[in-house]
Every structure is written in structure tokens, then in C-alpha cells.
Amino acid sequence: MAGPDGTFGSRFDDPEATYRVLYASSDRFGCYLETLARFRPDLSLLAELAQIEGENDFHPLGNVPPEWAEVRVVGAAFHYGSYADVYSSDWIGILRKELAGFWIAFGFAELDAGALQPTSRPLTQRVSRVVFNNGFDGIHYCSRFGHDVRNWALFEPFKIDPQLVTPIDPVDSDLQAALTIHGLRLVSR
């Protein structure tokens, strides 16, 4: 359900709420890495728990409920169209000019690739709007969980050709790798 600002709170959602964005990754591992992140234990809590001496009798943090995998599927599709790499030098130059006032209002002294990586949704959502207004079909970007993971923000109407949809396999090696990176465990029934 959309929030009061008309977005779903995601990185490249339209700040004017006129187009939807479908998020995808170049491989299953990236999809799992992105979608499981919300289950990660709070970093400050982990740091505080590490300071406690004695036997650890605390219930494990980072459990992913079985329903998460049961109600989802993983799929493959081809996409086509033109996608902006907003972290490229060309796009940073475009965004620097078009969003100068917006960046300054948010307290940034300079716009560079580092400024595009924070979790400030209003900033990245405004980037999405600039890309959309320039006639692109979406954005090609690196994951905030590692630049080796390539993701896609596809603008509506989605230019995709679905190929395969399967249930999530709890022993999928990509799923297991993402769980390990995030320090999570998929709970079984």
C-alpha cells in the first residue's frame, strides 16, 4: 500500500506518484539479497549484545518466517528498452545540473556518486523522476549491499518478457548465500 507521499518507500519510486516501479536484479542472488534485507537485526542491537559477557541464552535474531518463502516465487524475464546508469559520469553531470537546488535543500554540498548511495529516499526518488522525464524506461544501478550486484528499476509500462516462474526453494544456493551475508536463518515449519 502506498504511503502518504504516494510512494511505496522504495529507492527509485516516483515522487509524484504517476508511474510505478518494478524492482529486479540481474540474478536470483541479488533478488534475495535485496528482499531479505528487511529481516536483518538492528546493527546497534548487535553491537550491544556483543558487549554482554556470559552464556548467550538469547533467542536468535534474524529469523525469516517460513511464510516469507511460501507466498513468494522467483522468476526470470527479459527486459528491453533504454536504462540510465545514474552512477555513470554522464548521468552524474546531468543530475548535478538538474537537481542542484534540490540537493542543496537536503544539505548536500556536492552531487557525486557517493551522494546517490545513501538511504535518503527523497533524493533517489527525485533522480528517478529526472530519468523518467528524459524518456528512459528505467534505471540500471548497483545494489547498496554490494556493487557486484546489478539491479534494475523498471518504469511502468514495464517492458519485460516473462520467461520462468518457480516457487522459492529453501535450499537454493543463492538464497542460502544471501541469508548468510545478512546473518539470517529461514525458519522451517
N, C-alpha and C. Protein backbone atom coordinates (compact mmCIF):
# COMPACT_ATOMS: atom_id res chain seq x y z
N MET A 1 0.83 -1.17 0.00
CA MET A 1 0.00 0.00 0.00
C MET A 1 0.89 1.24 0.00
N ALA A 2 0.55 2.19 -0.83
CA ALA A 2 1.34 3.41 -0.94
C ALA A 2 1.22 4.23 0.34
N GLY A 3 2.30 4.92 0.67
CA GLY A 3 2.31 5.78 1.84
C GLY A 3 1.67 7.13 1.55
N PRO A 4 1.65 8.02 2.52
CA PRO A 4 1.03 9.32 2.34
C PRO A 4 1.67 10.16 1.24
N ASP A 5 2.95 9.87 0.93
CA ASP A 5 3.63 10.61 -0.14
C ASP A 5 3.36 10.02 -1.53
N GLY A 6 2.56 8.93 -1.60
CA GLY A 6 2.23 8.31 -2.88
C GLY A 6 3.23 7.28 -3.34
N THR A 7 4.32 7.08 -2.59
CA THR A 7 5.32 6.07 -2.96
C THR A 7 5.15 4.86 -2.05
N PHE A 8 5.88 3.81 -2.38
CA PHE A 8 5.91 2.62 -1.55
C PHE A 8 7.16 2.61 -0.68
N GLY A 9 7.87 3.74 -0.65
CA GLY A 9 9.05 3.88 0.18
C GLY A 9 10.32 3.28 -0.39
N SER A 10 10.29 2.89 -1.64
CA SER A 10 11.46 2.25 -2.23
C SER A 10 12.36 3.26 -2.92
N ARG A 11 13.56 2.84 -3.21
CA ARG A 11 14.66 3.69 -3.66
C ARG A 11 14.35 4.60 -4.84
N PHE A 12 13.76 4.05 -5.91
CA PHE A 12 13.53 4.85 -7.11
C PHE A 12 12.04 5.02 -7.43
N ASP A 13 11.18 4.95 -6.42
CA ASP A 13 9.75 5.19 -6.63
C ASP A 13 9.54 6.62 -7.12
N ASP A 14 8.45 6.82 -7.87
CA ASP A 14 8.15 8.14 -8.41
C ASP A 14 7.68 9.08 -7.30
N PRO A 15 8.39 10.18 -7.06
CA PRO A 15 7.99 11.11 -6.00
C PRO A 15 6.68 11.84 -6.32
N GLU A 16 6.23 11.77 -7.58
CA GLU A 16 4.97 12.41 -7.96
C GLU A 16 3.85 11.39 -8.09
N ALA A 17 4.16 10.12 -7.85
CA ALA A 17 3.18 9.02 -7.82
C ALA A 17 2.36 8.90 -9.10
N THR A 18 3.01 9.05 -10.27
CA THR A 18 2.29 8.88 -11.53
C THR A 18 2.70 7.62 -12.28
N TYR A 19 3.83 7.01 -11.95
CA TYR A 19 4.24 5.74 -12.55
C TYR A 19 4.72 4.80 -11.44
N ARG A 20 4.52 3.52 -11.65
CA ARG A 20 5.00 2.52 -10.70
C ARG A 20 6.38 2.05 -11.14
N VAL A 21 7.10 1.46 -10.20
CA VAL A 21 8.44 0.95 -10.47
C VAL A 21 8.50 -0.52 -10.04
N LEU A 22 8.98 -1.36 -10.94
CA LEU A 22 9.19 -2.78 -10.66
C LEU A 22 10.69 -2.96 -10.44
N TYR A 23 11.07 -3.55 -9.32
CA TYR A 23 12.47 -3.74 -9.00
C TYR A 23 12.90 -5.17 -9.34
N ALA A 24 14.07 -5.29 -9.94
CA ALA A 24 14.59 -6.59 -10.36
C ALA A 24 16.11 -6.59 -10.18
N SER A 25 16.68 -7.78 -10.29
CA SER A 25 18.13 -7.92 -10.21
C SER A 25 18.58 -8.79 -11.37
N SER A 26 19.85 -8.70 -11.70
CA SER A 26 20.37 -9.48 -12.82
C SER A 26 20.43 -10.97 -12.52
N ASP A 27 20.35 -11.36 -11.24
CA ASP A 27 20.34 -12.78 -10.90
C ASP A 27 19.54 -13.00 -9.61
N ARG A 28 19.25 -14.27 -9.32
CA ARG A 28 18.45 -14.63 -8.14
C ARG A 28 19.11 -14.15 -6.85
N PHE A 29 20.44 -14.31 -6.77
CA PHE A 29 21.15 -13.90 -5.56
C PHE A 29 20.84 -12.45 -5.22
N GLY A 30 20.88 -11.57 -6.22
CA GLY A 30 20.59 -10.16 -5.99
C GLY A 30 19.16 -9.93 -5.51
N CYS A 31 18.22 -10.67 -6.08
CA CYS A 31 16.82 -10.55 -5.64
C CYS A 31 16.69 -10.94 -4.17
N TYR A 32 17.31 -12.05 -3.81
CA TYR A 32 17.25 -12.48 -2.41
C TYR A 32 17.95 -11.49 -1.50
N LEU A 33 19.11 -11.00 -1.91
CA LEU A 33 19.86 -10.06 -1.08
C LEU A 33 19.03 -8.81 -0.79
N GLU A 34 18.35 -8.31 -1.82
CA GLU A 34 17.53 -7.10 -1.65
C GLU A 34 16.30 -7.35 -0.79
N THR A 35 15.57 -8.41 -1.06
CA THR A 35 14.29 -8.61 -0.37
C THR A 35 14.44 -9.11 1.06
N LEU A 36 15.54 -9.77 1.37
CA LEU A 36 15.75 -10.27 2.73
C LEU A 36 16.33 -9.23 3.68
N ALA A 37 16.81 -8.14 3.16
CA ALA A 37 17.49 -7.13 3.98
C ALA A 37 16.62 -6.61 5.13
N ARG A 38 15.33 -6.56 4.94
CA ARG A 38 14.46 -6.02 5.99
C ARG A 38 14.44 -6.89 7.24
N PHE A 39 14.90 -8.13 7.14
CA PHE A 39 14.93 -9.03 8.30
C PHE A 39 16.24 -8.94 9.09
N ARG A 40 17.19 -8.17 8.60
CA ARG A 40 18.48 -8.08 9.30
C ARG A 40 18.29 -7.51 10.70
N PRO A 41 19.02 -8.05 11.67
CA PRO A 41 18.95 -7.47 13.02
C PRO A 41 19.52 -6.06 13.01
N ASP A 42 18.98 -5.23 13.88
CA ASP A 42 19.45 -3.86 14.02
C ASP A 42 20.93 -3.86 14.42
N LEU A 43 21.71 -3.05 13.72
CA LEU A 43 23.16 -3.02 13.94
C LEU A 43 23.53 -2.59 15.36
N SER A 44 22.83 -1.60 15.91
CA SER A 44 23.16 -1.15 17.27
C SER A 44 22.83 -2.24 18.30
N LEU A 45 21.76 -3.00 18.07
CA LEU A 45 21.42 -4.09 18.97
C LEU A 45 22.50 -5.18 18.92
N LEU A 46 22.96 -5.50 17.72
CA LEU A 46 24.04 -6.50 17.60
C LEU A 46 25.29 -6.05 18.35
N ALA A 47 25.62 -4.77 18.23
CA ALA A 47 26.81 -4.25 18.92
C ALA A 47 26.63 -4.33 20.44
N GLU A 48 25.45 -4.00 20.92
CA GLU A 48 25.19 -4.05 22.36
C GLU A 48 25.21 -5.49 22.88
N LEU A 49 24.63 -6.41 22.13
CA LEU A 49 24.62 -7.81 22.56
C LEU A 49 26.04 -8.38 22.60
N ALA A 50 26.90 -7.93 21.72
CA ALA A 50 28.29 -8.41 21.70
C ALA A 50 29.05 -7.99 22.95
N GLN A 51 28.59 -6.95 23.63
CA GLN A 51 29.26 -6.46 24.83
C GLN A 51 28.88 -7.24 26.09
N ILE A 52 27.82 -8.05 26.01
CA ILE A 52 27.35 -8.80 27.18
C ILE A 52 28.24 -10.02 27.38
N GLU A 53 28.70 -10.18 28.62
CA GLU A 53 29.54 -11.33 28.95
C GLU A 53 28.67 -12.47 29.46
N GLY A 54 29.16 -13.68 29.30
CA GLY A 54 28.45 -14.84 29.80
C GLY A 54 27.83 -15.64 28.66
N GLU A 55 27.10 -16.69 29.06
CA GLU A 55 26.48 -17.58 28.09
C GLU A 55 25.37 -16.85 27.32
N ASN A 56 25.33 -17.09 26.02
CA ASN A 56 24.31 -16.46 25.17
C ASN A 56 23.06 -17.34 25.19
N ASP A 57 22.05 -16.91 25.97
CA ASP A 57 20.79 -17.66 26.04
C ASP A 57 19.66 -16.90 25.35
N PHE A 58 20.05 -15.91 24.58
CA PHE A 58 19.07 -15.08 23.88
C PHE A 58 18.54 -15.82 22.65
N HIS A 59 17.25 -15.68 22.37
CA HIS A 59 16.66 -16.28 21.16
C HIS A 59 17.34 -15.66 19.93
N PRO A 60 17.71 -16.47 18.97
CA PRO A 60 18.46 -15.97 17.81
C PRO A 60 17.74 -14.83 17.07
N LEU A 61 18.50 -13.83 16.73
CA LEU A 61 17.99 -12.73 15.91
C LEU A 61 18.07 -13.14 14.45
N GLY A 62 17.35 -12.43 13.62
CA GLY A 62 17.47 -12.63 12.19
C GLY A 62 16.75 -13.83 11.64
N ASN A 63 15.65 -14.21 12.28
CA ASN A 63 14.86 -15.32 11.75
C ASN A 63 13.91 -14.81 10.68
N VAL A 64 13.88 -15.50 9.55
CA VAL A 64 12.95 -15.19 8.47
C VAL A 64 11.81 -16.20 8.58
N PRO A 65 10.57 -15.72 8.74
CA PRO A 65 9.46 -16.66 8.91
C PRO A 65 9.23 -17.50 7.65
N PRO A 66 8.75 -18.74 7.83
CA PRO A 66 8.54 -19.61 6.67
C PRO A 66 7.55 -19.03 5.67
N GLU A 67 6.61 -18.22 6.13
CA GLU A 67 5.62 -17.62 5.22
C GLU A 67 6.28 -16.75 4.15
N TRP A 68 7.45 -16.19 4.49
CA TRP A 68 8.12 -15.33 3.52
C TRP A 68 8.37 -16.09 2.23
N ALA A 69 8.89 -17.29 2.33
CA ALA A 69 9.19 -18.09 1.13
C ALA A 69 7.95 -18.74 0.55
N GLU A 70 6.98 -19.05 1.39
CA GLU A 70 5.79 -19.77 0.93
C GLU A 70 4.88 -18.93 0.04
N VAL A 71 4.87 -17.62 0.26
CA VAL A 71 3.95 -16.76 -0.51
C VAL A 71 4.64 -16.06 -1.68
N ARG A 72 5.89 -16.38 -1.93
CA ARG A 72 6.65 -15.73 -3.00
C ARG A 72 7.10 -16.74 -4.05
N VAL A 73 7.42 -16.22 -5.21
CA VAL A 73 8.01 -17.02 -6.28
C VAL A 73 9.23 -16.27 -6.78
N VAL A 74 10.08 -16.98 -7.49
CA VAL A 74 11.22 -16.36 -8.14
C VAL A 74 11.03 -16.56 -9.64
N GLY A 75 11.38 -15.55 -10.40
CA GLY A 75 11.15 -15.65 -11.83
C GLY A 75 12.30 -15.11 -12.64
N ALA A 76 12.22 -15.34 -13.92
CA ALA A 76 13.21 -14.81 -14.86
C ALA A 76 12.44 -14.13 -15.99
N ALA A 77 13.02 -13.07 -16.51
CA ALA A 77 12.39 -12.34 -17.61
C ALA A 77 13.46 -11.60 -18.38
N PHE A 78 13.15 -11.31 -19.63
CA PHE A 78 13.99 -10.43 -20.43
C PHE A 78 13.38 -9.04 -20.36
N HIS A 79 14.22 -8.04 -20.31
CA HIS A 79 13.72 -6.67 -20.36
C HIS A 79 14.34 -5.98 -21.57
N TYR A 80 13.64 -5.02 -22.06
CA TYR A 80 14.15 -4.25 -23.19
C TYR A 80 13.82 -2.79 -22.97
N GLY A 81 14.41 -1.94 -23.75
CA GLY A 81 14.22 -0.50 -23.59
C GLY A 81 15.54 0.17 -23.29
N SER A 82 15.46 1.40 -22.86
CA SER A 82 16.67 2.17 -22.53
C SER A 82 16.70 2.46 -21.03
N TYR A 83 17.85 2.15 -20.43
CA TYR A 83 18.00 2.25 -18.98
C TYR A 83 19.19 3.15 -18.65
N ALA A 84 18.96 4.08 -17.76
CA ALA A 84 20.01 5.02 -17.36
C ALA A 84 20.86 4.40 -16.26
N ASP A 85 22.17 4.52 -16.40
CA ASP A 85 23.10 4.14 -15.33
C ASP A 85 23.41 5.43 -14.58
N VAL A 86 22.61 5.73 -13.55
CA VAL A 86 22.71 7.03 -12.87
C VAL A 86 24.01 7.21 -12.10
N TYR A 87 24.82 6.17 -12.00
CA TYR A 87 26.12 6.30 -11.35
C TYR A 87 27.24 6.54 -12.35
N SER A 88 26.90 6.63 -13.64
CA SER A 88 27.91 6.92 -14.65
C SER A 88 28.25 8.41 -14.63
N SER A 89 29.42 8.73 -15.13
CA SER A 89 29.86 10.14 -15.12
C SER A 89 28.91 11.03 -15.92
N ASP A 90 28.39 10.53 -17.05
CA ASP A 90 27.45 11.33 -17.85
C ASP A 90 26.21 11.69 -17.03
N TRP A 91 25.63 10.69 -16.37
CA TRP A 91 24.42 10.94 -15.60
C TRP A 91 24.68 11.79 -14.37
N ILE A 92 25.81 11.62 -13.74
CA ILE A 92 26.11 12.48 -12.59
C ILE A 92 26.18 13.94 -13.04
N GLY A 93 26.73 14.19 -14.21
CA GLY A 93 26.74 15.54 -14.76
C GLY A 93 25.33 16.08 -15.01
N ILE A 94 24.46 15.26 -15.57
CA ILE A 94 23.07 15.66 -15.82
C ILE A 94 22.34 15.95 -14.51
N LEU A 95 22.46 15.04 -13.57
CA LEU A 95 21.76 15.19 -12.30
C LEU A 95 22.28 16.38 -11.50
N ARG A 96 23.57 16.63 -11.58
CA ARG A 96 24.16 17.76 -10.87
C ARG A 96 23.53 19.07 -11.33
N LYS A 97 23.29 19.19 -12.63
CA LYS A 97 22.67 20.41 -13.16
C LYS A 97 21.18 20.47 -12.85
N GLU A 98 20.47 19.37 -13.09
CA GLU A 98 19.01 19.39 -12.96
C GLU A 98 18.52 19.41 -11.51
N LEU A 99 19.32 18.90 -10.59
CA LEU A 99 18.86 18.79 -9.20
C LEU A 99 19.67 19.63 -8.22
N ALA A 100 20.40 20.61 -8.70
CA ALA A 100 21.27 21.41 -7.83
C ALA A 100 20.51 21.98 -6.63
N GLY A 101 19.40 22.65 -6.87
CA GLY A 101 18.63 23.25 -5.77
C GLY A 101 18.09 22.21 -4.81
N PHE A 102 17.64 21.11 -5.36
CA PHE A 102 17.10 20.03 -4.53
C PHE A 102 18.17 19.45 -3.61
N TRP A 103 19.38 19.21 -4.17
CA TRP A 103 20.48 18.67 -3.37
C TRP A 103 20.89 19.62 -2.25
N ILE A 104 21.00 20.90 -2.59
CA ILE A 104 21.39 21.90 -1.58
C ILE A 104 20.35 21.96 -0.47
N ALA A 105 19.05 21.89 -0.82
CA ALA A 105 17.99 21.92 0.18
C ALA A 105 18.08 20.75 1.15
N PHE A 106 18.64 19.63 0.70
CA PHE A 106 18.80 18.47 1.56
C PHE A 106 20.13 18.47 2.29
N GLY A 107 20.89 19.54 2.17
CA GLY A 107 22.12 19.67 2.93
C GLY A 107 23.36 19.07 2.31
N PHE A 108 23.31 18.72 1.01
CA PHE A 108 24.48 18.20 0.34
C PHE A 108 25.24 19.35 -0.30
N ALA A 109 26.56 19.38 -0.09
CA ALA A 109 27.38 20.43 -0.69
C ALA A 109 27.74 20.09 -2.13
N GLU A 110 27.71 18.80 -2.48
CA GLU A 110 28.11 18.37 -3.81
C GLU A 110 27.34 17.13 -4.22
N LEU A 111 27.12 16.99 -5.51
CA LEU A 111 26.48 15.79 -6.03
C LEU A 111 27.53 14.96 -6.74
N ASP A 112 27.73 13.76 -6.23
CA ASP A 112 28.64 12.81 -6.85
C ASP A 112 28.08 11.41 -6.63
N ALA A 113 28.79 10.39 -7.06
CA ALA A 113 28.28 9.02 -6.92
C ALA A 113 28.03 8.66 -5.46
N GLY A 114 28.85 9.16 -4.57
CA GLY A 114 28.67 8.88 -3.15
C GLY A 114 27.37 9.45 -2.60
N ALA A 115 26.95 10.59 -3.10
CA ALA A 115 25.71 11.20 -2.65
C ALA A 115 24.48 10.43 -3.13
N LEU A 116 24.63 9.65 -4.20
CA LEU A 116 23.50 8.89 -4.73
C LEU A 116 23.28 7.57 -3.99
N GLN A 117 24.21 7.15 -3.16
CA GLN A 117 24.12 5.86 -2.50
C GLN A 117 23.39 5.89 -1.16
N PRO A 118 23.14 7.03 -0.53
CA PRO A 118 22.53 6.99 0.80
C PRO A 118 21.09 6.47 0.77
N THR A 119 20.56 6.25 1.95
CA THR A 119 19.21 5.72 2.04
C THR A 119 18.15 6.82 2.02
N SER A 120 18.53 8.05 1.74
CA SER A 120 17.56 9.14 1.68
C SER A 120 16.67 8.97 0.46
N ARG A 121 15.49 8.44 0.69
CA ARG A 121 14.57 8.16 -0.42
C ARG A 121 14.16 9.39 -1.22
N PRO A 122 13.91 10.54 -0.60
CA PRO A 122 13.53 11.69 -1.43
C PRO A 122 14.59 12.04 -2.48
N LEU A 123 15.86 11.83 -2.17
CA LEU A 123 16.92 12.14 -3.13
C LEU A 123 16.91 11.17 -4.31
N THR A 124 16.91 9.87 -4.01
CA THR A 124 16.95 8.89 -5.11
C THR A 124 15.63 8.86 -5.88
N GLN A 125 14.53 9.16 -5.21
CA GLN A 125 13.25 9.22 -5.91
C GLN A 125 13.21 10.41 -6.88
N ARG A 126 13.83 11.50 -6.51
CA ARG A 126 13.90 12.65 -7.42
C ARG A 126 14.77 12.30 -8.63
N VAL A 127 15.83 11.52 -8.43
CA VAL A 127 16.65 11.05 -9.55
C VAL A 127 15.79 10.22 -10.50
N SER A 128 14.94 9.37 -9.95
CA SER A 128 14.04 8.55 -10.76
C SER A 128 13.17 9.43 -11.65
N ARG A 129 12.66 10.50 -11.10
CA ARG A 129 11.78 11.40 -11.86
C ARG A 129 12.55 12.06 -13.01
N VAL A 130 13.79 12.47 -12.78
CA VAL A 130 14.60 13.07 -13.84
C VAL A 130 14.83 12.07 -14.97
N VAL A 131 15.16 10.83 -14.61
CA VAL A 131 15.39 9.79 -15.61
C VAL A 131 14.09 9.54 -16.39
N PHE A 132 12.97 9.43 -15.72
CA PHE A 132 11.68 9.21 -16.36
C PHE A 132 11.35 10.37 -17.31
N ASN A 133 11.55 11.60 -16.86
CA ASN A 133 11.26 12.77 -17.69
C ASN A 133 12.15 12.84 -18.92
N ASN A 134 13.31 12.19 -18.88
CA ASN A 134 14.21 12.15 -20.03
C ASN A 134 13.91 11.00 -20.98
N GLY A 135 12.78 10.31 -20.76
CA GLY A 135 12.31 9.30 -21.69
C GLY A 135 12.90 7.91 -21.53
N PHE A 136 13.56 7.62 -20.43
CA PHE A 136 14.13 6.30 -20.22
C PHE A 136 13.08 5.34 -19.66
N ASP A 137 13.32 4.05 -19.83
CA ASP A 137 12.40 3.01 -19.36
C ASP A 137 12.73 2.54 -17.95
N GLY A 138 13.81 3.04 -17.40
CA GLY A 138 14.18 2.66 -16.05
C GLY A 138 15.62 2.98 -15.74
N ILE A 139 16.09 2.42 -14.63
CA ILE A 139 17.43 2.70 -14.12
C ILE A 139 18.17 1.39 -13.88
N HIS A 140 19.42 1.36 -14.28
CA HIS A 140 20.33 0.25 -14.02
C HIS A 140 21.27 0.74 -12.93
N TYR A 141 21.36 0.02 -11.81
CA TYR A 141 22.14 0.53 -10.68
C TYR A 141 22.76 -0.60 -9.87
N CYS A 142 23.73 -0.24 -9.06
CA CYS A 142 24.38 -1.20 -8.17
C CYS A 142 23.59 -1.28 -6.87
N SER A 143 23.59 -2.46 -6.28
CA SER A 143 22.93 -2.67 -5.00
C SER A 143 23.67 -1.94 -3.90
N ARG A 144 22.95 -1.50 -2.90
CA ARG A 144 23.60 -0.88 -1.74
C ARG A 144 24.24 -1.94 -0.86
N PHE A 145 23.99 -3.22 -1.15
CA PHE A 145 24.57 -4.32 -0.39
C PHE A 145 25.83 -4.87 -1.04
N GLY A 146 26.26 -4.28 -2.14
CA GLY A 146 27.48 -4.68 -2.81
C GLY A 146 27.41 -4.30 -4.27
N HIS A 147 28.44 -3.64 -4.76
CA HIS A 147 28.43 -3.18 -6.15
C HIS A 147 28.63 -4.31 -7.16
N ASP A 148 28.81 -5.53 -6.68
CA ASP A 148 28.87 -6.67 -7.59
C ASP A 148 27.46 -7.14 -7.98
N VAL A 149 26.44 -6.61 -7.32
CA VAL A 149 25.05 -6.97 -7.61
C VAL A 149 24.43 -5.85 -8.44
N ARG A 150 23.97 -6.20 -9.64
CA ARG A 150 23.40 -5.22 -10.57
C ARG A 150 21.88 -5.33 -10.54
N ASN A 151 21.24 -4.20 -10.28
CA ASN A 151 19.79 -4.15 -10.14
C ASN A 151 19.16 -3.26 -11.20
N TRP A 152 17.84 -3.37 -11.28
CA TRP A 152 17.06 -2.63 -12.27
C TRP A 152 15.81 -2.06 -11.62
N ALA A 153 15.53 -0.81 -11.91
CA ALA A 153 14.26 -0.18 -11.55
C ALA A 153 13.55 0.06 -12.88
N LEU A 154 12.50 -0.71 -13.13
CA LEU A 154 11.79 -0.66 -14.41
C LEU A 154 10.55 0.21 -14.25
N PHE A 155 10.41 1.21 -15.12
CA PHE A 155 9.26 2.11 -15.04
C PHE A 155 8.06 1.52 -15.78
N GLU A 156 6.90 1.83 -15.28
CA GLU A 156 5.65 1.44 -15.93
C GLU A 156 5.45 2.28 -17.18
N PRO A 157 5.00 1.76 -18.32
CA PRO A 157 4.64 0.36 -18.55
C PRO A 157 5.91 -0.49 -18.64
N PHE A 158 5.89 -1.61 -17.96
CA PHE A 158 7.05 -2.47 -17.87
C PHE A 158 7.33 -3.16 -19.20
N LYS A 159 8.54 -3.03 -19.68
CA LYS A 159 8.96 -3.65 -20.94
C LYS A 159 9.70 -4.94 -20.63
N ILE A 160 8.92 -5.96 -20.26
CA ILE A 160 9.51 -7.24 -19.90
C ILE A 160 8.80 -8.37 -20.65
N ASP A 161 9.54 -9.46 -20.80
CA ASP A 161 9.02 -10.68 -21.41
C ASP A 161 9.28 -11.80 -20.41
N PRO A 162 8.28 -12.14 -19.56
CA PRO A 162 8.49 -13.18 -18.54
C PRO A 162 8.84 -14.52 -19.18
N GLN A 163 9.77 -15.23 -18.54
CA GLN A 163 10.26 -16.50 -19.06
C GLN A 163 9.95 -17.69 -18.15
N LEU A 164 10.11 -17.52 -16.86
CA LEU A 164 10.03 -18.65 -15.95
C LEU A 164 9.63 -18.16 -14.57
N VAL A 165 8.72 -18.88 -13.92
CA VAL A 165 8.34 -18.58 -12.54
C VAL A 165 8.31 -19.90 -11.79
N THR A 166 9.01 -19.94 -10.63
CA THR A 166 9.04 -21.15 -9.82
C THR A 166 8.90 -20.77 -8.35
N PRO A 167 8.42 -21.71 -7.52
CA PRO A 167 8.38 -21.45 -6.08
C PRO A 167 9.80 -21.29 -5.54
N ILE A 168 9.93 -20.60 -4.43
CA ILE A 168 11.24 -20.46 -3.79
C ILE A 168 11.63 -21.79 -3.16
N ASP A 169 12.82 -22.24 -3.47
CA ASP A 169 13.35 -23.48 -2.92
C ASP A 169 14.20 -23.12 -1.70
N PRO A 170 13.83 -23.55 -0.49
CA PRO A 170 14.58 -23.18 0.71
C PRO A 170 16.05 -23.58 0.69
N VAL A 171 16.45 -24.54 -0.13
CA VAL A 171 17.85 -24.94 -0.18
C VAL A 171 18.60 -24.33 -1.38
N ASP A 172 17.95 -23.43 -2.10
CA ASP A 172 18.58 -22.74 -3.24
C ASP A 172 19.89 -22.11 -2.77
N SER A 173 20.98 -22.37 -3.45
CA SER A 173 22.29 -21.86 -3.04
C SER A 173 22.35 -20.34 -3.05
N ASP A 174 21.64 -19.69 -3.97
CA ASP A 174 21.60 -18.22 -3.98
C ASP A 174 20.87 -17.68 -2.75
N LEU A 175 19.78 -18.33 -2.39
CA LEU A 175 19.04 -17.95 -1.18
C LEU A 175 19.91 -18.14 0.05
N GLN A 176 20.58 -19.27 0.13
CA GLN A 176 21.43 -19.57 1.28
C GLN A 176 22.58 -18.56 1.40
N ALA A 177 23.16 -18.16 0.25
CA ALA A 177 24.25 -17.18 0.27
C ALA A 177 23.75 -15.83 0.78
N ALA A 178 22.58 -15.40 0.33
CA ALA A 178 22.01 -14.11 0.78
C ALA A 178 21.69 -14.16 2.27
N LEU A 179 21.13 -15.27 2.73
CA LEU A 179 20.84 -15.42 4.16
C LEU A 179 22.13 -15.32 4.98
N THR A 180 23.19 -15.97 4.52
CA THR A 180 24.47 -15.93 5.22
C THR A 180 25.03 -14.52 5.29
N ILE A 181 25.01 -13.81 4.18
CA ILE A 181 25.54 -12.44 4.15
C ILE A 181 24.81 -11.54 5.13
N HIS A 182 23.50 -11.69 5.20
CA HIS A 182 22.70 -10.85 6.10
C HIS A 182 22.64 -11.39 7.53
N GLY A 183 23.25 -12.55 7.78
CA GLY A 183 23.22 -13.13 9.11
C GLY A 183 21.82 -13.61 9.49
N LEU A 184 21.12 -14.19 8.51
CA LEU A 184 19.74 -14.61 8.71
C LEU A 184 19.60 -16.13 8.64
N ARG A 185 18.43 -16.61 9.07
CA ARG A 185 18.11 -18.02 9.02
C ARG A 185 16.64 -18.15 8.61
N LEU A 186 16.37 -18.95 7.60
CA LEU A 186 14.99 -19.22 7.19
C LEU A 186 14.43 -20.29 8.11
N VAL A 187 13.42 -19.91 8.87
CA VAL A 187 12.81 -20.83 9.84
C VAL A 187 11.91 -21.81 9.09
N SER A 188 12.00 -23.09 9.46
CA SER A 188 11.14 -24.09 8.85
C SER A 188 9.94 -24.33 9.75
N ARG A 189 8.92 -24.91 9.19
CA ARG A 189 7.71 -25.21 9.97
C ARG A 189 7.93 -26.44 10.81
